[in-house]
Amino acid sequence: SPLGGPNCTVCSAGRYSDQAGSTACVACAPGSAANSSGATGCVFCSAGRFSVGAQPQCTACLVGQFAAGQGLSACSFCPLGSFAGTSGLASCTPCPAGTQQSLNVTQSAVVSYCLESTEPWP
């Protein structure tokens, strides 16, 4: 018989029940996840990861994005002048001295690198 008896249904991953006698499973809130069925609670996403809610696992931020804290429901784009060259980062790295980062119409808003500066010194 299923866990808990013949008429009890196990909550699916991404949902939980934290009380005996529950009549419904609850979706994990944005910024958290439950990675197994039968969960009694959800776990906050760690820095560098996010969840939109009701998810079995948190998702790593994409290249060019970051999530600075835990329990976030979305990642942010790195500010201009910094980059995130790999996925799942909690912060962006500033462009090093001698490099720059500027957008033009041929580049997307997700920039994961810095270019050698071609600007002359004043």
Protein backbone atom coordinates (compact mmCIF):
# COMPACT_ATOMS: atom_id res chain seq x y z
CA SER A 1 0.00 0.00 0.00
CA PRO A 2 1.16 3.62 -0.48
CA LEU A 3 3.13 5.36 2.23
CA GLY A 4 0.82 6.18 5.14
CA GLY A 5 -1.99 3.83 4.24
CA PRO A 6 -4.21 2.75 1.37
CA ASN A 7 -5.98 6.11 0.94
CA CYS A 8 -3.03 8.49 1.48
CA THR A 9 -1.22 9.94 -1.53
CA VAL A 10 2.44 10.95 -1.36
CA CYS A 11 3.17 14.57 -2.24
CA SER A 12 5.13 14.87 -5.48
CA ALA A 13 8.56 16.53 -5.67
CA GLY A 14 8.16 20.31 -5.54
CA ARG A 15 5.23 20.02 -3.11
CA TYR A 16 5.03 19.18 0.60
CA SER A 17 2.77 18.46 3.57
CA ASP A 18 4.01 19.42 7.03
CA GLN A 19 1.02 18.30 9.10
CA ALA A 20 -0.62 14.98 9.80
CA GLY A 21 -4.17 14.85 8.51
CA SER A 22 -3.49 17.15 5.54
CA THR A 23 -6.02 17.03 2.73
CA ALA A 24 -3.74 18.61 0.11
CA CYS A 25 -0.07 19.07 -0.69
CA VAL A 26 1.31 22.61 -0.81
CA ALA A 27 3.55 23.91 -3.61
CA CYS A 28 7.01 25.08 -2.56
CA ALA A 29 7.18 28.88 -2.58
CA PRO A 30 9.34 30.72 -5.11
CA GLY A 31 12.98 30.59 -4.00
CA SER A 32 12.64 27.07 -2.57
CA ALA A 33 12.33 23.47 -3.73
CA ALA A 34 11.61 19.93 -2.50
CA ASN A 35 13.70 17.41 -4.42
CA SER A 36 11.91 14.24 -3.36
CA SER A 37 8.37 13.00 -3.08
CA GLY A 38 6.88 12.80 0.40
CA ALA A 39 8.62 15.98 1.57
CA THR A 40 7.58 17.62 4.84
CA GLY A 41 9.06 20.99 3.86
CA CYS A 42 10.98 22.89 1.21
CA VAL A 43 14.61 24.02 1.23
CA PHE A 44 15.71 27.54 0.24
CA CYS A 45 17.76 27.77 -2.95
CA SER A 46 21.41 28.52 -2.28
CA ALA A 47 23.17 31.61 -3.66
CA GLY A 48 23.74 31.25 -7.40
CA ARG A 49 20.49 29.29 -7.84
CA PHE A 50 16.77 30.15 -8.08
CA SER A 51 13.30 28.62 -8.25
CA VAL A 52 10.01 30.00 -9.56
CA GLY A 53 8.13 27.78 -7.08
CA ALA A 54 6.61 24.27 -7.09
CA GLN A 55 9.92 22.93 -8.40
CA PRO A 56 11.72 19.69 -7.52
CA GLN A 57 15.08 21.47 -7.60
CA CYS A 58 16.63 24.92 -7.81
CA THR A 59 18.12 26.01 -11.14
CA ALA A 60 21.60 27.48 -11.57
CA CYS A 61 21.76 31.07 -12.82
CA LEU A 62 22.85 31.29 -16.45
CA VAL A 63 26.18 32.67 -17.67
CA GLY A 64 26.03 36.46 -17.37
CA GLN A 65 23.63 36.31 -14.39
CA PHE A 66 23.94 35.91 -10.61
CA ALA A 67 21.88 35.37 -7.44
CA ALA A 68 23.57 37.01 -4.46
CA GLY A 69 21.47 35.54 -1.67
CA GLN A 70 19.58 32.39 -0.82
CA GLY A 71 15.88 31.87 -1.42
CA LEU A 72 15.65 33.92 -4.62
CA SER A 73 12.99 33.46 -7.29
CA ALA A 74 15.08 34.90 -10.15
CA CYS A 75 18.64 35.73 -11.12
CA SER A 76 19.87 39.23 -11.98
CA PHE A 77 22.01 40.30 -14.93
CA CYS A 78 25.56 41.32 -14.07
CA PRO A 79 25.95 45.11 -14.07
CA LEU A 80 27.87 46.63 -16.96
CA GLY A 81 31.58 46.48 -16.23
CA SER A 82 31.37 43.03 -14.63
CA PHE A 83 30.80 39.47 -15.82
CA ALA A 84 29.80 35.94 -14.79
CA GLY A 85 31.68 33.56 -17.04
CA THR A 86 30.12 30.37 -15.67
CA SER A 87 26.66 29.39 -14.48
CA GLY A 88 25.55 29.20 -10.84
CA LEU A 89 27.44 32.21 -9.49
CA ALA A 90 26.55 34.26 -6.42
CA SER A 91 28.34 37.39 -7.67
CA CYS A 92 29.84 38.95 -10.77
CA THR A 93 33.52 39.67 -11.30
CA PRO A 94 34.59 43.23 -12.18
CA CYS A 95 36.38 43.62 -15.49
CA PRO A 96 40.11 43.75 -14.72
CA ALA A 97 42.22 46.85 -15.31
CA GLY A 98 43.03 47.27 -18.98
CA THR A 99 39.68 45.84 -20.09
CA GLN A 100 36.25 47.28 -20.67
CA GLN A 101 32.72 46.16 -21.30
CA SER A 102 30.22 48.10 -23.34
CA LEU A 103 27.16 47.00 -25.24
CA ASN A 104 26.45 47.74 -28.85
CA VAL A 105 23.59 46.67 -31.10
CA THR A 106 25.28 43.39 -32.03
CA GLN A 107 25.73 42.18 -28.43
CA SER A 108 23.04 40.77 -26.17
CA ALA A 109 22.37 42.02 -22.65
CA VAL A 110 24.05 38.87 -21.32
CA VAL A 111 27.75 39.65 -21.49
CA SER A 112 30.06 37.07 -19.99
CA TYR A 113 33.43 38.57 -20.83
CA CYS A 114 35.47 41.81 -20.90
CA LEU A 115 37.37 43.15 -23.90
CA GLU A 116 40.85 44.61 -24.00
CA SER A 117 40.45 48.36 -23.89
CA THR A 118 41.03 50.15 -27.19
CA GLU A 119 40.30 53.60 -25.82
CA PRO A 120 43.32 55.94 -25.86
CA TRP A 121 44.42 57.54 -22.61
CA PRO A 122 43.39 61.19 -22.34
